[in-house]
């Protein structure tokens, strides 16, 4: 649907196509694994995961961030997710 719009970059279209994928291959529409999902999509998926959990909580302390990071599925810590997860993990260890 978006492919015909010249002002939308192909990377953005790919991110939109992959935003329901999951690192363990259980996502849709293509059941991609953590090495098949693009890094840009991994950033979006991880951001969405953390944001949804933050918005569902009332407190915003650092322990909450650590608790949320610990709930990120293992398969969303590997493959193309690895660098993103490690950056997020190390940021909240400070």
PDB file of N, CA and C in Angstrom:
ATOM      1  N   UNK A   1       0.819  -1.191   0.000  1.00  0.00           N
ATOM      2  CA  UNK A   1       0.000   0.000   0.000  1.00  0.00           C
ATOM      3  C   UNK A   1       0.868   1.261   0.000  1.00  0.00           C
ATOM      4  N   UNK A   2       1.971   1.252   0.770  1.00  0.00           N
ATOM      5  CA  UNK A   2       2.832   2.430   0.854  1.00  0.00           C
ATOM      6  C   UNK A   2       3.908   2.451  -0.223  1.00  0.00           C
ATOM      7  N   UNK A   3       4.138   1.315  -0.862  1.00  0.00           N
ATOM      8  CA  UNK A   3       5.210   1.187  -1.834  1.00  0.00           C
ATOM      9  C   UNK A   3       5.142   2.183  -2.980  1.00  0.00           C
ATOM     10  N   UNK A   4       3.974   2.635  -3.327  1.00  0.00           N
ATOM     11  CA  UNK A   4       3.823   3.583  -4.423  1.00  0.00           C
ATOM     12  C   UNK A   4       4.068   5.032  -4.037  1.00  0.00           C
ATOM     13  N   UNK A   5       4.330   5.294  -2.782  1.00  0.00           N
ATOM     14  CA  UNK A   5       4.543   6.664  -2.320  1.00  0.00           C
ATOM     15  C   UNK A   5       6.040   6.974  -2.345  1.00  0.00           C
ATOM     16  N   UNK A   6       6.439   7.836  -3.250  1.00  0.00           N
ATOM     17  CA  UNK A   6       7.865   8.112  -3.460  1.00  0.00           C
ATOM     18  C   UNK A   6       8.520   8.820  -2.273  1.00  0.00           C
ATOM     19  N   UNK A   7       7.756   9.456  -1.413  1.00  0.00           N
ATOM     20  CA  UNK A   7       8.345  10.197  -0.298  1.00  0.00           C
ATOM     21  C   UNK A   7       8.604   9.320   0.936  1.00  0.00           C
ATOM     22  N   UNK A   8       8.219   8.047   0.873  1.00  0.00           N
ATOM     23  CA  UNK A   8       8.473   7.141   1.990  1.00  0.00           C
ATOM     24  C   UNK A   8       9.626   6.210   1.612  1.00  0.00           C
ATOM     25  N   UNK A   9      10.691   6.274   2.400  1.00  0.00           N
ATOM     26  CA  UNK A   9      11.889   5.485   2.163  1.00  0.00           C
ATOM     27  C   UNK A   9      11.589   3.990   2.304  1.00  0.00           C
ATOM     28  N   UNK A  10      12.264   3.173   1.519  1.00  0.00           N
ATOM     29  CA  UNK A  10      12.061   1.719   1.566  1.00  0.00           C
ATOM     30  C   UNK A  10      12.349   1.139   2.947  1.00  0.00           C
ATOM     31  N   UNK A  11      13.317   1.712   3.679  1.00  0.00           N
ATOM     32  CA  UNK A  11      13.610   1.227   5.036  1.00  0.00           C
ATOM     33  C   UNK A  11      12.415   1.409   5.959  1.00  0.00           C
ATOM     34  N   UNK A  12      11.692   2.493   5.770  1.00  0.00           N
ATOM     35  CA  UNK A  12      10.505   2.756   6.594  1.00  0.00           C
ATOM     36  C   UNK A  12       9.401   1.769   6.236  1.00  0.00           C
ATOM     37  N   UNK A  13       9.238   1.496   4.955  1.00  0.00           N
ATOM     38  CA  UNK A  13       8.237   0.518   4.523  1.00  0.00           C
ATOM     39  C   UNK A  13       8.558  -0.853   5.129  1.00  0.00           C
ATOM     40  N   UNK A  14       9.834  -1.234   5.096  1.00  0.00           N
ATOM     41  CA  UNK A  14      10.251  -2.510   5.685  1.00  0.00           C
ATOM     42  C   UNK A  14       9.952  -2.535   7.177  1.00  0.00           C
ATOM     43  N   UNK A  15      10.232  -1.440   7.875  1.00  0.00           N
ATOM     44  CA  UNK A  15       9.962  -1.380   9.307  1.00  0.00           C
ATOM     45  C   UNK A  15       8.468  -1.555   9.580  1.00  0.00           C
ATOM     46  N   UNK A  16       7.638  -0.920   8.793  1.00  0.00           N
ATOM     47  CA  UNK A  16       6.191  -1.050   8.962  1.00  0.00           C
ATOM     48  C   UNK A  16       5.761  -2.494   8.701  1.00  0.00           C
ATOM     49  N   UNK A  17       6.338  -3.112   7.674  1.00  0.00           N
ATOM     50  CA  UNK A  17       6.009  -4.503   7.351  1.00  0.00           C
ATOM     51  C   UNK A  17       6.430  -5.461   8.459  1.00  0.00           C
ATOM     52  N   UNK A  18       7.508  -5.144   9.155  1.00  0.00           N
ATOM     53  CA  UNK A  18       8.068  -6.067  10.145  1.00  0.00           C
ATOM     54  C   UNK A  18       7.689  -5.754  11.590  1.00  0.00           C
ATOM     55  N   UNK A  19       6.906  -4.734  11.834  1.00  0.00           N
ATOM     56  CA  UNK A  19       6.698  -4.313  13.230  1.00  0.00           C
ATOM     57  C   UNK A  19       5.911  -5.304  14.083  1.00  0.00           C
ATOM     58  N   UNK A  20       5.305  -6.323  13.493  1.00  0.00           N
ATOM     59  CA  UNK A  20       4.626  -7.364  14.279  1.00  0.00           C
ATOM     60  C   UNK A  20       5.429  -8.666  14.322  1.00  0.00           C
ATOM     61  N   UNK A  21       6.652  -8.636  13.825  1.00  0.00           N
ATOM     62  CA  UNK A  21       7.491  -9.830  13.866  1.00  0.00           C
ATOM     63  C   UNK A  21       8.051  -9.996  15.279  1.00  0.00           C
ATOM     64  N   UNK A  22       8.551 -11.188  15.575  1.00  0.00           N
ATOM     65  CA  UNK A  22       9.122 -11.481  16.885  1.00  0.00           C
ATOM     66  C   UNK A  22      10.393 -12.290  16.683  1.00  0.00           C
ATOM     67  N   UNK A  23      11.377 -12.052  17.516  1.00  0.00           N
ATOM     68  CA  UNK A  23      12.672 -12.696  17.358  1.00  0.00           C
ATOM     69  C   UNK A  23      12.638 -14.211  17.318  1.00  0.00           C
ATOM     70  N   UNK A  24      11.619 -14.810  17.923  1.00  0.00           N
ATOM     71  CA  UNK A  24      11.536 -16.272  17.941  1.00  0.00           C
ATOM     72  C   UNK A  24      10.808 -16.850  16.725  1.00  0.00           C
ATOM     73  N   UNK A  25      10.413 -15.989  15.793  1.00  0.00           N
ATOM     74  CA  UNK A  25       9.745 -16.457  14.580  1.00  0.00           C
ATOM     75  C   UNK A  25       8.242 -16.626  14.723  1.00  0.00           C
ATOM     76  N   UNK A  26       7.686 -16.216  15.850  1.00  0.00           N
ATOM     77  CA  UNK A  26       6.248 -16.387  16.073  1.00  0.00           C
ATOM     78  C   UNK A  26       5.421 -15.187  15.609  1.00  0.00           C
ATOM     79  N   UNK A  27       6.081 -14.178  15.089  1.00  0.00           N
ATOM     80  CA  UNK A  27       5.362 -12.987  14.659  1.00  0.00           C
ATOM     81  C   UNK A  27       4.712 -13.153  13.300  1.00  0.00           C
ATOM     82  N   UNK A  28       4.145 -12.064  12.810  1.00  0.00           N
ATOM     83  CA  UNK A  28       3.505 -12.100  11.499  1.00  0.00           C
ATOM     84  C   UNK A  28       3.814 -10.811  10.758  1.00  0.00           C
ATOM     85  N   UNK A  29       3.740 -10.746   9.478  1.00  0.00           N
ATOM     86  CA  UNK A  29       3.119 -11.722   8.583  1.00  0.00           C
ATOM     87  C   UNK A  29       4.054 -12.814   8.061  1.00  0.00           C
ATOM     88  N   UNK A  30       5.362 -12.682   8.278  1.00  0.00           N
ATOM     89  CA  UNK A  30       6.302 -13.624   7.656  1.00  0.00           C
ATOM     90  C   UNK A  30       6.991 -14.577   8.627  1.00  0.00           C
ATOM     91  N   UNK A  31       6.731 -14.481   9.912  1.00  0.00           N
ATOM     92  CA  UNK A  31       7.374 -15.344  10.920  1.00  0.00           C
ATOM     93  C   UNK A  31       8.898 -15.267  10.822  1.00  0.00           C
ATOM     94  N   UNK A  32       9.425 -14.038  10.731  1.00  0.00           N
ATOM     95  CA  UNK A  32      10.862 -13.830  10.642  1.00  0.00           C
ATOM     96  C   UNK A  32      11.522 -14.070  11.995  1.00  0.00           C
ATOM     97  N   UNK A  33      12.783 -14.486  11.972  1.00  0.00           N
ATOM     98  CA  UNK A  33      13.536 -14.692  13.209  1.00  0.00           C
ATOM     99  C   UNK A  33      14.418 -13.479  13.484  1.00  0.00           C
ATOM    100  N   UNK A  34      15.114 -13.508  14.615  1.00  0.00           N
ATOM    101  CA  UNK A  34      15.911 -12.358  15.044  1.00  0.00           C
ATOM    102  C   UNK A  34      17.074 -12.028  14.111  1.00  0.00           C
ATOM    103  N   UNK A  35      17.470 -12.922  13.227  1.00  0.00           N
ATOM    104  CA  UNK A  35      18.521 -12.598  12.253  1.00  0.00           C
ATOM    105  C   UNK A  35      17.941 -12.146  10.925  1.00  0.00           C
ATOM    106  N   UNK A  36      16.638 -12.279  10.749  1.00  0.00           N
ATOM    107  CA  UNK A  36      15.991 -11.873   9.502  1.00  0.00           C
ATOM    108  C   UNK A  36      15.323 -10.501   9.606  1.00  0.00           C
ATOM    109  N   UNK A  37      14.999 -10.082  10.805  1.00  0.00           N
ATOM    110  CA  UNK A  37      14.373  -8.775  11.017  1.00  0.00           C
ATOM    111  C   UNK A  37      15.458  -7.713  10.898  1.00  0.00           C
ATOM    112  N   UNK A  38      15.195  -6.642  10.160  1.00  0.00           N
ATOM    113  CA  UNK A  38      16.204  -5.599   9.970  1.00  0.00           C
ATOM    114  C   UNK A  38      16.494  -4.880  11.282  1.00  0.00           C
ATOM    115  N   UNK A  39      17.679  -4.280  11.371  1.00  0.00           N
ATOM    116  CA  UNK A  39      18.052  -3.575  12.606  1.00  0.00           C
ATOM    117  C   UNK A  39      17.103  -2.409  12.890  1.00  0.00           C
ATOM    118  N   UNK A  40      16.691  -1.699  11.847  1.00  0.00           N
ATOM    119  CA  UNK A  40      15.753  -0.589  12.049  1.00  0.00           C
ATOM    120  C   UNK A  40      14.452  -1.111  12.651  1.00  0.00           C
ATOM    121  N   UNK A  41      13.964  -2.225  12.145  1.00  0.00           N
ATOM    122  CA  UNK A  41      12.751  -2.822  12.698  1.00  0.00           C
ATOM    123  C   UNK A  41      12.977  -3.297  14.128  1.00  0.00           C
ATOM    124  N   UNK A  42      14.157  -3.826  14.416  1.00  0.00           N
ATOM    125  CA  UNK A  42      14.484  -4.259  15.777  1.00  0.00           C
ATOM    126  C   UNK A  42      14.438  -3.087  16.750  1.00  0.00           C
ATOM    127  N   UNK A  43      14.944  -1.940  16.319  1.00  0.00           N
ATOM    128  CA  UNK A  43      14.892  -0.738  17.165  1.00  0.00           C
ATOM    129  C   UNK A  43      13.436  -0.385  17.456  1.00  0.00           C
ATOM    130  N   UNK A  44      12.609  -0.401  16.431  1.00  0.00           N
ATOM    131  CA  UNK A  44      11.196  -0.060  16.607  1.00  0.00           C
ATOM    132  C   UNK A  44      10.493  -1.060  17.517  1.00  0.00           C
ATOM    133  N   UNK A  45      10.697  -2.352  17.270  1.00  0.00           N
ATOM    134  CA  UNK A  45      10.052  -3.401  18.061  1.00  0.00           C
ATOM    135  C   UNK A  45      10.460  -3.300  19.527  1.00  0.00           C
ATOM    136  N   UNK A  46      11.749  -3.092  19.784  1.00  0.00           N
ATOM    137  CA  UNK A  46      12.245  -2.970  21.159  1.00  0.00           C
ATOM    138  C   UNK A  46      11.683  -1.717  21.819  1.00  0.00           C
ATOM    139  N   UNK A  47      11.666  -0.609  21.106  1.00  0.00           N
ATOM    140  CA  UNK A  47      11.120   0.646  21.648  1.00  0.00           C
ATOM    141  C   UNK A  47       9.650   0.494  22.000  1.00  0.00           C
ATOM    142  N   UNK A  48       8.910  -0.146  21.129  1.00  0.00           N
ATOM    143  CA  UNK A  48       7.489  -0.353  21.374  1.00  0.00           C
ATOM    144  C   UNK A  48       7.278  -1.242  22.609  1.00  0.00           C
ATOM    145  N   UNK A  49       8.074  -2.292  22.736  1.00  0.00           N
ATOM    146  CA  UNK A  49       7.990  -3.205  23.877  1.00  0.00           C
ATOM    147  C   UNK A  49       8.190  -2.447  25.186  1.00  0.00           C
ATOM    148  N   UNK A  50       9.264  -1.668  25.255  1.00  0.00           N
ATOM    149  CA  UNK A  50       9.593  -0.927  26.476  1.00  0.00           C
ATOM    150  C   UNK A  50       8.536   0.149  26.745  1.00  0.00           C
ATOM    151  N   UNK A  51       8.134   0.871  25.722  1.00  0.00           N
ATOM    152  CA  UNK A  51       7.159   1.951  25.889  1.00  0.00           C
ATOM    153  C   UNK A  51       5.825   1.436  26.411  1.00  0.00           C
ATOM    154  N   UNK A  52       5.336   0.337  25.852  1.00  0.00           N
ATOM    155  CA  UNK A  52       4.056  -0.219  26.319  1.00  0.00           C
ATOM    156  C   UNK A  52       4.120  -0.569  27.802  1.00  0.00           C
ATOM    157  N   UNK A  53       5.239  -1.127  28.232  1.00  0.00           N
ATOM    158  CA  UNK A  53       5.362  -1.499  29.635  1.00  0.00           C
ATOM    159  C   UNK A  53       5.508  -0.284  30.542  1.00  0.00           C
ATOM    160  N   UNK A  54       6.221   0.724  30.064  1.00  0.00           N
ATOM    161  CA  UNK A  54       6.361   1.945  30.861  1.00  0.00           C
ATOM    162  C   UNK A  54       5.017   2.638  31.040  1.00  0.00           C
ATOM    163  N   UNK A  55       4.253   2.716  29.986  1.00  0.00           N
ATOM    164  CA  UNK A  55       2.975   3.415  30.055  1.00  0.00           C
ATOM    165  C   UNK A  55       1.947   2.674  30.903  1.00  0.00           C
ATOM    166  N   UNK A  56       2.157   1.383  31.100  1.00  0.00           N
ATOM    167  CA  UNK A  56       1.214   0.616  31.908  1.00  0.00           C
ATOM    168  C   UNK A  56       1.545   0.680  33.403  1.00  0.00           C
ATOM    169  N   UNK A  57       2.649   1.314  33.751  1.00  0.00           N
ATOM    170  CA  UNK A  57       3.075   1.417  35.155  1.00  0.00           C
ATOM    171  C   UNK A  57       2.900   2.846  35.652  1.00  0.00           C
ATOM    172  N   UNK A  58       2.777   2.982  36.958  1.00  0.00           N
ATOM    173  CA  UNK A  58       2.612   4.314  37.530  1.00  0.00           C
ATOM    174  C   UNK A  58       3.936   4.941  37.945  1.00  0.00           C
ATOM    175  N   UNK A  59       4.890   4.135  38.378  1.00  0.00           N
ATOM    176  CA  UNK A  59       6.167   4.694  38.807  1.00  0.00           C
ATOM    177  C   UNK A  59       7.168   4.652  37.655  1.00  0.00           C
ATOM    178  N   UNK A  60       8.152   5.528  37.700  1.00  0.00           N
ATOM    179  CA  UNK A  60       9.125   5.638  36.623  1.00  0.00           C
ATOM    180  C   UNK A  60      10.556   5.564  37.161  1.00  0.00           C
ATOM    181  N   UNK A  61      10.791   4.774  38.181  1.00  0.00           N
ATOM    182  CA  UNK A  61      12.129   4.705  38.755  1.00  0.00           C
ATOM    183  C   UNK A  61      13.036   3.775  37.940  1.00  0.00           C
ATOM    184  N   UNK A  62      14.333   3.807  38.216  1.00  0.00           N
ATOM    185  CA  UNK A  62      15.318   3.043  37.458  1.00  0.00           C
ATOM    186  C   UNK A  62      15.100   1.549  37.604  1.00  0.00           C
ATOM    187  N   UNK A  63      14.613   1.095  38.771  1.00  0.00           N
ATOM    188  CA  UNK A  63      14.327  -0.327  38.954  1.00  0.00           C
ATOM    189  C   UNK A  63      13.257  -0.780  37.974  1.00  0.00           C
ATOM    190  N   UNK A  64      12.288   0.060  37.720  1.00  0.00           N
ATOM    191  CA  UNK A  64      11.242  -0.267  36.754  1.00  0.00           C
ATOM    192  C   UNK A  64      11.854  -0.512  35.372  1.00  0.00           C
ATOM    193  N   UNK A  65      12.774   0.353  34.966  1.00  0.00           N
ATOM    194  CA  UNK A  65      13.433   0.172  33.673  1.00  0.00           C
ATOM    195  C   UNK A  65      14.182  -1.165  33.644  1.00  0.00           C
ATOM    196  N   UNK A  66      14.909  -1.463  34.710  1.00  0.00           N
ATOM    197  CA  UNK A  66      15.646  -2.732  34.775  1.00  0.00           C
ATOM    198  C   UNK A  66      14.679  -3.915  34.713  1.00  0.00           C
ATOM    199  N   UNK A  67      13.574  -3.824  35.438  1.00  0.00           N
ATOM    200  CA  UNK A  67      12.581  -4.900  35.430  1.00  0.00           C
ATOM    201  C   UNK A  67      12.010  -5.116  34.028  1.00  0.00           C
ATOM    202  N   UNK A  68      11.738  -4.042  33.320  1.00  0.00           N
ATOM    203  CA  UNK A  68      11.198  -4.137  31.962  1.00  0.00           C
ATOM    204  C   UNK A  68      12.223  -4.755  31.021  1.00  0.00           C
ATOM    205  N   UNK A  69      13.462  -4.310  31.111  1.00  0.00           N
ATOM    206  CA  UNK A  69      14.516  -4.849  30.245  1.00  0.00           C
ATOM    207  C   UNK A  69      14.669  -6.346  30.470  1.00  0.00           C
ATOM    208  N   UNK A  70      14.549  -6.777  31.721  1.00  0.00           N
ATOM    209  CA  UNK A  70      14.682  -8.195  32.027  1.00  0.00           C
ATOM    210  C   UNK A  70      13.545  -9.035  31.441  1.00  0.00           C
ATOM    211  N   UNK A  71      12.419  -8.411  31.083  1.00  0.00           N
ATOM    212  CA  UNK A  71      11.301  -9.160  30.502  1.00  0.00           C
ATOM    213  C   UNK A  71      11.377  -9.249  28.973  1.00  0.00           C
ATOM    214  N   UNK A  72      12.356  -8.588  28.371  1.00  0.00           N
ATOM    215  CA  UNK A  72      12.510  -8.695  26.912  1.00  0.00           C
ATOM    216  C   UNK A  72      12.863 -10.146  26.597  1.00  0.00           C
ATOM    217  N   UNK A  73      12.107 -10.786  25.697  1.00  0.00           N
ATOM    218  CA  UNK A  73      12.362 -12.196  25.383  1.00  0.00           C
ATOM    219  C   UNK A  73      13.799 -12.439  24.914  1.00  0.00           C
ATOM    220  N   UNK A  74      14.365 -13.583  25.266  1.00  0.00           N
ATOM    221  CA  UNK A  74      15.739 -13.926  24.902  1.00  0.00           C
ATOM    222  C   UNK A  74      15.960 -13.819  23.394  1.00  0.00           C
ATOM    223  N   UNK A  75      14.989 -14.262  22.605  1.00  0.00           N
ATOM    224  CA  UNK A  75      15.169 -14.207  21.148  1.00  0.00           C
ATOM    225  C   UNK A  75      15.177 -12.775  20.625  1.00  0.00           C
ATOM    226  N   UNK A  76      14.683 -11.834  21.424  1.00  0.00           N
ATOM    227  CA  UNK A  76      14.749 -10.422  21.047  1.00  0.00           C
ATOM    228  C   UNK A  76      15.956  -9.748  21.701  1.00  0.00           C
ATOM    229  N   UNK A  77      16.940 -10.560  22.064  1.00  0.00           N
ATOM    230  CA  UNK A  77      18.220 -10.068  22.588  1.00  0.00           C
ATOM    231  C   UNK A  77      19.360 -10.560  21.698  1.00  0.00           C
ATOM    232  N   UNK A  78      19.042 -11.353  20.709  1.00  0.00           N
ATOM    233  CA  UNK A  78      20.038 -12.010  19.858  1.00  0.00           C
ATOM    234  C   UNK A  78      19.858 -11.574  18.408  1.00  0.00           C
ATOM    235  N   UNK A  79      20.752 -12.038  17.549  1.00  0.00           N
ATOM    236  CA  UNK A  79      20.668 -11.713  16.127  1.00  0.00           C
ATOM    237  C   UNK A  79      20.774 -10.209  15.921  1.00  0.00           C
ATOM    238  N   UNK A  80      19.931  -9.667  15.086  1.00  0.00           N
ATOM    239  CA  UNK A  80      19.961  -8.236  14.803  1.00  0.00           C
ATOM    240  C   UNK A  80      19.473  -7.398  15.969  1.00  0.00           C
ATOM    241  N   UNK A  81      18.852  -8.018  16.968  1.00  0.00           N
ATOM    242  CA  UNK A  81      18.428  -7.315  18.174  1.00  0.00           C
ATOM    243  C   UNK A  81      19.595  -7.112  19.148  1.00  0.00           C
ATOM    244  N   UNK A  82      20.645  -7.899  19.023  1.00  0.00           N
ATOM    245  CA  UNK A  82      21.704  -7.955  20.037  1.00  0.00           C
ATOM    246  C   UNK A  82      22.312  -6.593  20.354  1.00  0.00           C
ATOM    247  N   UNK A  83      22.731  -5.854  19.359  1.00  0.00           N
ATOM    248  CA  UNK A  83      23.370  -4.557  19.584  1.00  0.00           C
ATOM    249  C   UNK A  83      22.400  -3.578  20.254  1.00  0.00           C
ATOM    250  N   UNK A  84      21.159  -3.613  19.834  1.00  0.00           N
ATOM    251  CA  UNK A  84      20.145  -2.719  20.397  1.00  0.00           C
ATOM    252  C   UNK A  84      19.889  -3.082  21.861  1.00  0.00           C
ATOM    253  N   UNK A  85      19.693  -4.377  22.123  1.00  0.00           N
ATOM    254  CA  UNK A  85      19.458  -4.814  23.498  1.00  0.00           C
ATOM    255  C   UNK A  85      20.648  -4.468  24.392  1.00  0.00           C
ATOM    256  N   UNK A  86      21.858  -4.766  23.928  1.00  0.00           N
ATOM    257  CA  UNK A  86      23.046  -4.497  24.741  1.00  0.00           C
ATOM    258  C   UNK A  86      23.190  -3.012  25.050  1.00  0.00           C
ATOM    259  N   UNK A  87      22.868  -2.157  24.092  1.00  0.00           N
ATOM    260  CA  UNK A  87      22.926  -0.705  24.323  1.00  0.00           C
ATOM    261  C   UNK A  87      21.916  -0.293  25.385  1.00  0.00           C
ATOM    262  N   UNK A  88      20.705  -0.782  25.255  1.00  0.00           N
ATOM    263  CA  UNK A  88      19.652  -0.463  26.221  1.00  0.00           C
ATOM    264  C   UNK A  88      20.011  -1.004  27.598  1.00  0.00           C
ATOM    265  N   UNK A  89      20.471  -2.234  27.636  1.00  0.00           N
ATOM    266  CA  UNK A  89      20.864  -2.881  28.887  1.00  0.00           C
ATOM    267  C   UNK A  89      21.975  -2.107  29.593  1.00  0.00           C
ATOM    268  N   UNK A  90      23.021  -1.739  28.851  1.00  0.00           N
ATOM    269  CA  UNK A  90      24.150  -1.032  29.474  1.00  0.00           C
ATOM    270  C   UNK A  90      23.745   0.384  29.892  1.00  0.00           C
ATOM    271  N   UNK A  91      22.861   1.022  29.162  1.00  0.00           N
ATOM    272  CA  UNK A  91      22.407   2.359  29.519  1.00  0.00           C
ATOM    273  C   UNK A  91      21.735   2.372  30.886  1.00  0.00           C
ATOM    274  N   UNK A  92      20.904   1.367  31.149  1.00  0.00           N
ATOM    275  CA  UNK A  92      20.169   1.333  32.419  1.00  0.00           C
ATOM    276  C   UNK A  92      20.937   0.667  33.543  1.00  0.00           C
ATOM    277  N   UNK A  93      22.161   0.229  33.300  1.00  0.00           N
ATOM    278  CA  UNK A  93      23.018  -0.288  34.366  1.00  0.00           C
ATOM    279  C   UNK A  93      23.796   0.847  35.018  1.00  0.00           C
ATOM    280  N   UNK A  94      23.814   2.010  34.394  1.00  0.00           N
ATOM    281  CA  UNK A  94      24.571   3.156  34.908  1.00  0.00           C
ATOM    282  C   UNK A  94      23.990   3.678  36.191  1.00  0.00           C
TER     283      UNK A  94
END
